[in-house]
PDB file of all heavy atoms in Angstrom:
ATOM      1  N   GLU A   1       6.056  12.832  -6.617  1.00  0.00           N
ATOM      2  CA  GLU A   1       6.537  11.764  -7.511  1.00  0.00           C
ATOM      3  C   GLU A   1       5.687  10.542  -7.348  1.00  0.00           C
ATOM      4  O   GLU A   1       5.374   9.789  -8.262  1.00  0.00           O
ATOM      5  CB  GLU A   1       8.020  11.475  -7.187  1.00  0.00           C
ATOM      6  CG  GLU A   1       8.701  10.478  -8.193  1.00  0.00           C
ATOM      7  CD  GLU A   1      10.157  10.364  -8.033  1.00  0.00           C
ATOM      8  OE1 GLU A   1      10.674  10.940  -7.055  1.00  0.00           O
ATOM      9  OE2 GLU A   1      10.736   9.647  -8.810  1.00  0.00           O
ATOM     10  N   VAL A   2       5.322  10.155  -6.113  1.00  0.00           N
ATOM     11  CA  VAL A   2       4.402   9.100  -5.772  1.00  0.00           C
ATOM     12  C   VAL A   2       3.030   9.347  -6.613  1.00  0.00           C
ATOM     13  O   VAL A   2       2.490   8.421  -7.259  1.00  0.00           O
ATOM     14  CB  VAL A   2       4.103   8.907  -4.307  1.00  0.00           C
ATOM     15  CG1 VAL A   2       2.994   7.858  -4.180  1.00  0.00           C
ATOM     16  CG2 VAL A   2       5.415   8.435  -3.585  1.00  0.00           C
ATOM     17  N   GLU A   3       2.542  10.576  -6.564  1.00  0.00           N
ATOM     18  CA  GLU A   3       1.233  10.876  -7.338  1.00  0.00           C
ATOM     19  C   GLU A   3       1.514  10.587  -8.787  1.00  0.00           C
ATOM     20  O   GLU A   3       0.536  10.021  -9.450  1.00  0.00           O
ATOM     21  CB  GLU A   3       0.939  12.260  -7.158  1.00  0.00           C
ATOM     22  CG  GLU A   3       0.423  12.548  -5.762  1.00  0.00           C
ATOM     23  CD  GLU A   3       0.098  14.126  -5.527  1.00  0.00           C
ATOM     24  OE1 GLU A   3       0.958  14.979  -5.967  1.00  0.00           O
ATOM     25  OE2 GLU A   3      -0.968  14.452  -4.975  1.00  0.00           O
ATOM     26  N   ARG A   4       2.578  10.877  -9.433  1.00  0.00           N
ATOM     27  CA  ARG A   4       2.810  10.637 -10.875  1.00  0.00           C
ATOM     28  C   ARG A   4       2.976   9.150 -11.139  1.00  0.00           C
ATOM     29  O   ARG A   4       2.485   8.671 -12.162  1.00  0.00           O
ATOM     30  CB  ARG A   4       4.047  11.392 -11.261  1.00  0.00           C
ATOM     31  CG  ARG A   4       4.013  12.935 -11.348  1.00  0.00           C
ATOM     32  CD  ARG A   4       5.112  13.558 -11.998  1.00  0.00           C
ATOM     33  NE  ARG A   4       6.402  13.395 -11.362  1.00  0.00           N
ATOM     34  CZ  ARG A   4       6.896  14.177 -10.401  1.00  0.00           C
ATOM     35  NH1 ARG A   4       6.173  15.229 -10.071  1.00  0.00           N
ATOM     36  NH2 ARG A   4       8.114  13.892  -9.863  1.00  0.00           N
ATOM     37  N   LEU A   5       3.688   8.455 -10.197  1.00  0.00           N
ATOM     38  CA  LEU A   5       3.876   7.002 -10.337  1.00  0.00           C
ATOM     39  C   LEU A   5       2.732   6.116 -10.118  1.00  0.00           C
ATOM     40  O   LEU A   5       2.373   5.231 -10.899  1.00  0.00           O
ATOM     41  CB  LEU A   5       5.059   6.601  -9.521  1.00  0.00           C
ATOM     42  CG  LEU A   5       5.366   5.023  -9.462  1.00  0.00           C
ATOM     43  CD1 LEU A   5       5.959   4.616 -10.820  1.00  0.00           C
ATOM     44  CD2 LEU A   5       6.310   4.681  -8.385  1.00  0.00           C
ATOM     45  N   ALA A   6       2.051   6.343  -9.024  1.00  0.00           N
ATOM     46  CA  ALA A   6       0.996   5.438  -8.587  1.00  0.00           C
ATOM     47  C   ALA A   6      -0.322   5.706  -9.188  1.00  0.00           C
ATOM     48  O   ALA A   6      -1.282   6.145  -8.502  1.00  0.00           O
ATOM     49  CB  ALA A   6       0.984   5.580  -7.009  1.00  0.00           C
ATOM     50  N   THR A   7      -0.381   5.532 -10.413  1.00  0.00           N
ATOM     51  CA  THR A   7      -1.700   5.689 -11.147  1.00  0.00           C
ATOM     52  C   THR A   7      -2.540   4.486 -10.788  1.00  0.00           C
ATOM     53  O   THR A   7      -2.121   3.464 -10.339  1.00  0.00           O
ATOM     54  CB  THR A   7      -1.428   5.753 -12.632  1.00  0.00           C
ATOM     55  OG1 THR A   7      -0.850   4.456 -13.100  1.00  0.00           O
ATOM     56  CG2 THR A   7      -0.490   6.897 -13.036  1.00  0.00           C
ATOM     57  N   PRO A   8      -3.929   4.650 -11.122  1.00  0.00           N
ATOM     58  CA  PRO A   8      -4.764   3.471 -10.903  1.00  0.00           C
ATOM     59  C   PRO A   8      -4.212   2.191 -11.633  1.00  0.00           C
ATOM     60  O   PRO A   8      -4.333   1.149 -11.037  1.00  0.00           O
ATOM     61  CB  PRO A   8      -6.023   3.978 -11.587  1.00  0.00           C
ATOM     62  CG  PRO A   8      -6.088   5.481 -11.328  1.00  0.00           C
ATOM     63  CD  PRO A   8      -4.645   5.813 -11.507  1.00  0.00           C
ATOM     64  N   ALA A   9      -3.748   2.383 -12.878  1.00  0.00           N
ATOM     65  CA  ALA A   9      -3.208   1.208 -13.626  1.00  0.00           C
ATOM     66  C   ALA A   9      -2.063   0.511 -12.874  1.00  0.00           C
ATOM     67  O   ALA A   9      -1.920  -0.630 -12.723  1.00  0.00           O
ATOM     68  CB  ALA A   9      -2.799   1.616 -14.946  1.00  0.00           C
ATOM     69  N   PHE A  10      -1.082   1.444 -12.375  1.00  0.00           N
ATOM     70  CA  PHE A  10       0.046   0.997 -11.609  1.00  0.00           C
ATOM     71  C   PHE A  10      -0.350   0.185 -10.354  1.00  0.00           C
ATOM     72  O   PHE A  10       0.147  -0.894 -10.130  1.00  0.00           O
ATOM     73  CB  PHE A  10       0.964   2.126 -11.178  1.00  0.00           C
ATOM     74  CG  PHE A  10       2.215   1.699 -10.428  1.00  0.00           C
ATOM     75  CD1 PHE A  10       3.363   1.440 -11.140  1.00  0.00           C
ATOM     76  CD2 PHE A  10       2.144   1.611  -9.066  1.00  0.00           C
ATOM     77  CE1 PHE A  10       4.534   1.044 -10.365  1.00  0.00           C
ATOM     78  CE2 PHE A  10       3.353   1.294  -8.373  1.00  0.00           C
ATOM     79  CZ  PHE A  10       4.511   0.910  -9.011  1.00  0.00           C
ATOM     80  N   MET A  11      -1.263   0.735  -9.586  1.00  0.00           N
ATOM     81  CA  MET A  11      -1.752   0.059  -8.349  1.00  0.00           C
ATOM     82  C   MET A  11      -2.491  -1.264  -8.630  1.00  0.00           C
ATOM     83  O   MET A  11      -2.239  -2.141  -7.924  1.00  0.00           O
ATOM     84  CB  MET A  11      -2.729   1.034  -7.578  1.00  0.00           C
ATOM     85  CG  MET A  11      -2.069   2.302  -7.107  1.00  0.00           C
ATOM     86  SD  MET A  11      -0.574   2.106  -6.103  1.00  0.00           S
ATOM     87  CE  MET A  11      -1.270   1.398  -4.637  1.00  0.00           C
ATOM     88  N   GLN A  12      -3.317  -1.241  -9.697  1.00  0.00           N
ATOM     89  CA  GLN A  12      -3.942  -2.614 -10.131  1.00  0.00           C
ATOM     90  C   GLN A  12      -3.021  -3.578 -10.524  1.00  0.00           C
ATOM     91  O   GLN A  12      -3.261  -4.803 -10.306  1.00  0.00           O
ATOM     92  CB  GLN A  12      -5.040  -2.208 -11.205  1.00  0.00           C
ATOM     93  CG  GLN A  12      -6.120  -1.441 -10.655  1.00  0.00           C
ATOM     94  CD  GLN A  12      -7.085  -0.951 -11.812  1.00  0.00           C
ATOM     95  OE1 GLN A  12      -6.915  -1.499 -12.908  1.00  0.00           O
ATOM     96  NE2 GLN A  12      -7.982  -0.056 -11.518  1.00  0.00           N
ATOM     97  N   ALA A  13      -1.834  -3.196 -10.988  1.00  0.00           N
ATOM     98  CA  ALA A  13      -0.948  -4.162 -11.548  1.00  0.00           C
ATOM     99  C   ALA A  13      -0.008  -4.746 -10.410  1.00  0.00           C
ATOM    100  O   ALA A  13       0.673  -5.722 -10.691  1.00  0.00           O
ATOM    101  CB  ALA A  13      -0.052  -3.534 -12.654  1.00  0.00           C
ATOM    102  N   LEU A  14      -0.029  -4.319  -9.244  1.00  0.00           N
ATOM    103  CA  LEU A  14       0.757  -4.763  -8.173  1.00  0.00           C
ATOM    104  C   LEU A  14       0.409  -6.146  -7.754  1.00  0.00           C
ATOM    105  O   LEU A  14      -0.835  -6.491  -7.868  1.00  0.00           O
ATOM    106  CB  LEU A  14       0.619  -3.823  -6.901  1.00  0.00           C
ATOM    107  CG  LEU A  14       1.254  -2.438  -7.001  1.00  0.00           C
ATOM    108  CD1 LEU A  14       0.984  -1.654  -5.668  1.00  0.00           C
ATOM    109  CD2 LEU A  14       2.777  -2.456  -7.260  1.00  0.00           C
ATOM    110  N   ASN A  15       1.359  -6.920  -7.404  1.00  0.00           N
ATOM    111  CA  ASN A  15       1.099  -8.284  -6.997  1.00  0.00           C
ATOM    112  C   ASN A  15       0.066  -8.332  -5.776  1.00  0.00           C
ATOM    113  O   ASN A  15       0.333  -7.520  -4.816  1.00  0.00           O
ATOM    114  CB  ASN A  15       2.382  -8.984  -6.527  1.00  0.00           C
ATOM    115  CG  ASN A  15       2.208 -10.397  -6.066  1.00  0.00           C
ATOM    116  OD1 ASN A  15       1.196 -11.024  -6.462  1.00  0.00           O
ATOM    117  ND2 ASN A  15       3.088 -10.830  -5.181  1.00  0.00           N
ATOM    118  N   ALA A  16      -0.919  -9.124  -5.920  1.00  0.00           N
ATOM    119  CA  ALA A  16      -1.972  -9.018  -4.807  1.00  0.00           C
ATOM    120  C   ALA A  16      -1.910 -10.328  -4.067  1.00  0.00           C
ATOM    121  O   ALA A  16      -2.787 -10.499  -3.088  1.00  0.00           O
ATOM    122  CB  ALA A  16      -3.417  -8.945  -5.518  1.00  0.00           C
ATOM    123  N   ARG A  17      -1.127 -11.279  -4.258  1.00  0.00           N
ATOM    124  CA  ARG A  17      -0.980 -12.555  -3.643  1.00  0.00           C
ATOM    125  C   ARG A  17      -0.376 -12.415  -2.245  1.00  0.00           C
ATOM    126  O   ARG A  17       0.701 -11.886  -2.124  1.00  0.00           O
ATOM    127  CB  ARG A  17      -0.152 -13.548  -4.441  1.00  0.00           C
ATOM    128  CG  ARG A  17      -0.243 -15.040  -3.800  1.00  0.00           C
ATOM    129  CD  ARG A  17       0.230 -15.982  -4.822  1.00  0.00           C
ATOM    130  NE  ARG A  17       1.709 -15.772  -5.072  1.00  0.00           N
ATOM    131  CZ  ARG A  17       2.260 -15.251  -6.142  1.00  0.00           C
ATOM    132  NH1 ARG A  17       1.435 -14.847  -7.218  1.00  0.00           N
ATOM    133  NH2 ARG A  17       3.489 -15.039  -6.424  1.00  0.00           N
ATOM    134  N   PRO A  18      -1.127 -12.728  -1.240  1.00  0.00           N
ATOM    135  CA  PRO A  18      -0.629 -12.481   0.152  1.00  0.00           C
ATOM    136  C   PRO A  18       0.746 -13.227   0.359  1.00  0.00           C
ATOM    137  O   PRO A  18       0.936 -14.341  -0.145  1.00  0.00           O
ATOM    138  CB  PRO A  18      -1.764 -13.159   1.118  1.00  0.00           C
ATOM    139  CG  PRO A  18      -2.988 -13.124   0.232  1.00  0.00           C
ATOM    140  CD  PRO A  18      -2.485 -13.415  -1.178  1.00  0.00           C
ATOM    141  N   LEU A  19       1.540 -12.655   1.217  1.00  0.00           N
ATOM    142  CA  LEU A  19       2.843 -13.162   1.591  1.00  0.00           C
ATOM    143  C   LEU A  19       2.740 -13.965   2.943  1.00  0.00           C
ATOM    144  O   LEU A  19       2.840 -13.366   3.959  1.00  0.00           O
ATOM    145  CB  LEU A  19       3.826 -12.116   1.606  1.00  0.00           C
ATOM    146  CG  LEU A  19       5.360 -12.475   1.528  1.00  0.00           C
ATOM    147  CD1 LEU A  19       5.736 -13.064   0.210  1.00  0.00           C
ATOM    148  CD2 LEU A  19       6.191 -11.189   1.801  1.00  0.00           C
ATOM    149  N   GLY A  20       2.409 -15.156   2.829  1.00  0.00           N
ATOM    150  CA  GLY A  20       2.214 -15.867   4.165  1.00  0.00           C
ATOM    151  C   GLY A  20       0.799 -15.655   4.775  1.00  0.00           C
ATOM    152  O   GLY A  20       0.034 -14.993   4.185  1.00  0.00           O
ATOM    153  N   SER A  21       0.620 -16.088   6.006  1.00  0.00           N
ATOM    154  CA  SER A  21      -0.597 -16.002   6.659  1.00  0.00           C
ATOM    155  C   SER A  21      -0.627 -14.763   7.696  1.00  0.00           C
ATOM    156  O   SER A  21      -1.769 -14.471   8.058  1.00  0.00           O
ATOM    157  CB  SER A  21      -0.942 -17.269   7.418  1.00  0.00           C
ATOM    158  OG  SER A  21       0.101 -17.567   8.365  1.00  0.00           O
ATOM    159  N   ASP A  22       0.395 -14.243   8.059  1.00  0.00           N
ATOM    160  CA  ASP A  22       0.414 -13.027   9.013  1.00  0.00           C
ATOM    161  C   ASP A  22      -0.324 -11.904   8.283  1.00  0.00           C
ATOM    162  O   ASP A  22      -0.044 -11.537   7.040  1.00  0.00           O
ATOM    163  CB  ASP A  22       1.760 -12.670   9.291  1.00  0.00           C
ATOM    164  CG  ASP A  22       2.447 -13.643  10.210  1.00  0.00           C
ATOM    165  OD1 ASP A  22       1.791 -14.502  10.765  1.00  0.00           O
ATOM    166  OD2 ASP A  22       3.721 -13.540  10.313  1.00  0.00           O
ATOM    167  N   GLN A  23      -1.217 -11.144   9.070  1.00  0.00           N
ATOM    168  CA  GLN A  23      -1.934 -10.095   8.512  1.00  0.00           C
ATOM    169  C   GLN A  23      -1.586  -8.714   9.266  1.00  0.00           C
ATOM    170  O   GLN A  23      -2.154  -8.457  10.289  1.00  0.00           O
ATOM    171  CB  GLN A  23      -3.432 -10.266   8.632  1.00  0.00           C
ATOM    172  CG  GLN A  23      -4.398  -9.236   8.072  1.00  0.00           C
ATOM    173  CD  GLN A  23      -4.180  -8.992   6.683  1.00  0.00           C
ATOM    174  OE1 GLN A  23      -4.458  -9.762   5.879  1.00  0.00           O
ATOM    175  NE2 GLN A  23      -3.549  -7.849   6.332  1.00  0.00           N
ATOM    176  N   PRO A  24      -0.587  -7.953   8.656  1.00  0.00           N
ATOM    177  CA  PRO A  24      -0.291  -6.694   9.317  1.00  0.00           C
ATOM    178  C   PRO A  24      -1.305  -5.608   8.999  1.00  0.00           C
ATOM    179  O   PRO A  24      -1.800  -5.501   7.903  1.00  0.00           O
ATOM    180  CB  PRO A  24       1.045  -6.410   8.706  1.00  0.00           C
ATOM    181  CG  PRO A  24       1.104  -7.072   7.385  1.00  0.00           C
ATOM    182  CD  PRO A  24       0.166  -8.257   7.485  1.00  0.00           C
ATOM    183  N   VAL A  25      -1.566  -4.844  10.129  1.00  0.00           N
ATOM    184  CA  VAL A  25      -2.348  -3.650   9.981  1.00  0.00           C
ATOM    185  C   VAL A  25      -1.519  -2.406  10.401  1.00  0.00           C
ATOM    186  O   VAL A  25      -1.114  -2.434  11.486  1.00  0.00           O
ATOM    187  CB  VAL A  25      -3.627  -3.704  10.863  1.00  0.00           C
ATOM    188  CG1 VAL A  25      -4.476  -2.532  10.791  1.00  0.00           C
ATOM    189  CG2 VAL A  25      -4.433  -4.918  10.543  1.00  0.00           C
ATOM    190  N   PHE A  26      -1.401  -1.525   9.408  1.00  0.00           N
ATOM    191  CA  PHE A  26      -0.619  -0.348   9.677  1.00  0.00           C
ATOM    192  C   PHE A  26      -1.441   0.868  10.051  1.00  0.00           C
ATOM    193  O   PHE A  26      -2.310   1.232   9.135  1.00  0.00           O
ATOM    194  CB  PHE A  26       0.325  -0.054   8.407  1.00  0.00           C
ATOM    195  CG  PHE A  26       1.301  -1.102   8.167  1.00  0.00           C
ATOM    196  CD1 PHE A  26       1.142  -2.151   7.331  1.00  0.00           C
ATOM    197  CD2 PHE A  26       2.578  -0.976   8.728  1.00  0.00           C
ATOM    198  CE1 PHE A  26       2.068  -3.122   7.070  1.00  0.00           C
ATOM    199  CE2 PHE A  26       3.637  -1.964   8.436  1.00  0.00           C
ATOM    200  CZ  PHE A  26       3.268  -3.003   7.672  1.00  0.00           C
ATOM    201  N   ILE A  27      -1.280   1.297  11.219  1.00  0.00           N
ATOM    202  CA  ILE A  27      -1.945   2.657  11.599  1.00  0.00           C
ATOM    203  C   ILE A  27      -1.054   3.782  11.098  1.00  0.00           C
ATOM    204  O   ILE A  27       0.212   3.825  11.444  1.00  0.00           O
ATOM    205  CB  ILE A  27      -2.167   2.783  13.031  1.00  0.00           C
ATOM    206  CG1 ILE A  27      -3.204   1.708  13.529  1.00  0.00           C
ATOM    207  CG2 ILE A  27      -2.730   4.181  13.385  1.00  0.00           C
ATOM    208  CD1 ILE A  27      -3.436   1.701  15.002  1.00  0.00           C
ATOM    209  N   ILE A  28      -1.554   4.564  10.144  1.00  0.00           N
ATOM    210  CA  ILE A  28      -0.758   5.646   9.466  1.00  0.00           C
ATOM    211  C   ILE A  28      -1.289   7.009   9.829  1.00  0.00           C
ATOM    212  O   ILE A  28      -2.489   7.157   9.857  1.00  0.00           O
ATOM    213  CB  ILE A  28      -0.738   5.349   7.962  1.00  0.00           C
ATOM    214  CG1 ILE A  28      -2.087   5.189   7.473  1.00  0.00           C
ATOM    215  CG2 ILE A  28       0.242   4.119   7.636  1.00  0.00           C
ATOM    216  CD1 ILE A  28      -2.114   5.080   5.916  1.00  0.00           C
ATOM    217  N   CYS A  29      -0.400   7.940  10.046  1.00  0.00           N
ATOM    218  CA  CYS A  29      -0.827   9.251  10.453  1.00  0.00           C
ATOM    219  C   CYS A  29       0.477  10.099  10.715  1.00  0.00           C
ATOM    220  O   CYS A  29       1.537   9.543  10.722  1.00  0.00           O
ATOM    221  CB  CYS A  29      -1.616   9.166  11.771  1.00  0.00           C
ATOM    222  SG  CYS A  29      -0.807   8.336  13.212  1.00  0.00           S
ATOM    223  N   LEU A  30       0.297  11.327  11.066  1.00  0.00           N
ATOM    224  CA  LEU A  30       1.384  12.065  11.576  1.00  0.00           C
ATOM    225  C   LEU A  30       1.485  11.716  13.084  1.00  0.00           C
ATOM    226  O   LEU A  30       0.579  11.289  13.745  1.00  0.00           O
ATOM    227  CB  LEU A  30       1.067  13.522  11.451  1.00  0.00           C
ATOM    228  CG  LEU A  30       1.096  14.187   9.993  1.00  0.00           C
ATOM    229  CD1 LEU A  30       1.110  15.662  10.151  1.00  0.00           C
ATOM    230  CD2 LEU A  30       2.380  13.730   9.258  1.00  0.00           C
ATOM    231  N   PRO A  31       2.663  12.021  13.723  1.00  0.00           N
ATOM    232  CA  PRO A  31       2.753  11.838  15.199  1.00  0.00           C
ATOM    233  C   PRO A  31       1.750  12.685  15.864  1.00  0.00           C
ATOM    234  O   PRO A  31       1.335  13.696  15.328  1.00  0.00           O
ATOM    235  CB  PRO A  31       4.215  12.311  15.486  1.00  0.00           C
ATOM    236  CG  PRO A  31       4.966  12.194  14.141  1.00  0.00           C
ATOM    237  CD  PRO A  31       3.935  12.421  13.196  1.00  0.00           C
ATOM    238  N   ARG A  32       1.363  12.320  17.083  1.00  0.00           N
ATOM    239  CA  ARG A  32       0.436  13.037  17.981  1.00  0.00           C
ATOM    240  C   ARG A  32      -0.899  13.190  17.293  1.00  0.00           C
ATOM    241  O   ARG A  32      -1.609  14.186  17.381  1.00  0.00           O
ATOM    242  CB  ARG A  32       1.068  14.477  18.236  1.00  0.00           C
ATOM    243  CG  ARG A  32       2.449  14.515  18.620  1.00  0.00           C
ATOM    244  CD  ARG A  32       2.829  13.719  19.894  1.00  0.00           C
ATOM    245  NE  ARG A  32       2.066  14.293  21.044  1.00  0.00           N
ATOM    246  CZ  ARG A  32       1.388  13.526  21.941  1.00  0.00           C
ATOM    247  NH1 ARG A  32       1.385  12.218  21.834  1.00  0.00           N
ATOM    248  NH2 ARG A  32       0.866  14.169  23.004  1.00  0.00           N
ATOM    249  N   SER A  33      -1.408  12.136  16.692  1.00  0.00           N
ATOM    250  CA  SER A  33      -2.586  11.990  16.013  1.00  0.00           C
ATOM    251  C   SER A  33      -3.620  11.192  16.727  1.00  0.00           C
ATOM    252  O   SER A  33      -4.777  11.035  16.229  1.00  0.00           O
ATOM    253  CB  SER A  33      -2.517  11.681  14.557  1.00  0.00           C
ATOM    254  OG  SER A  33      -1.899  12.631  13.858  1.00  0.00           O
TER     255      SER A  33
END
């Protein structure tokens, strides 16, 4: 469903304005990676 929804056009239309000054970095993976 994410593949169907998150087209290039959808992603480009997302709000790009930063929310405050904090800069989170998310390490994403399966557990034990």
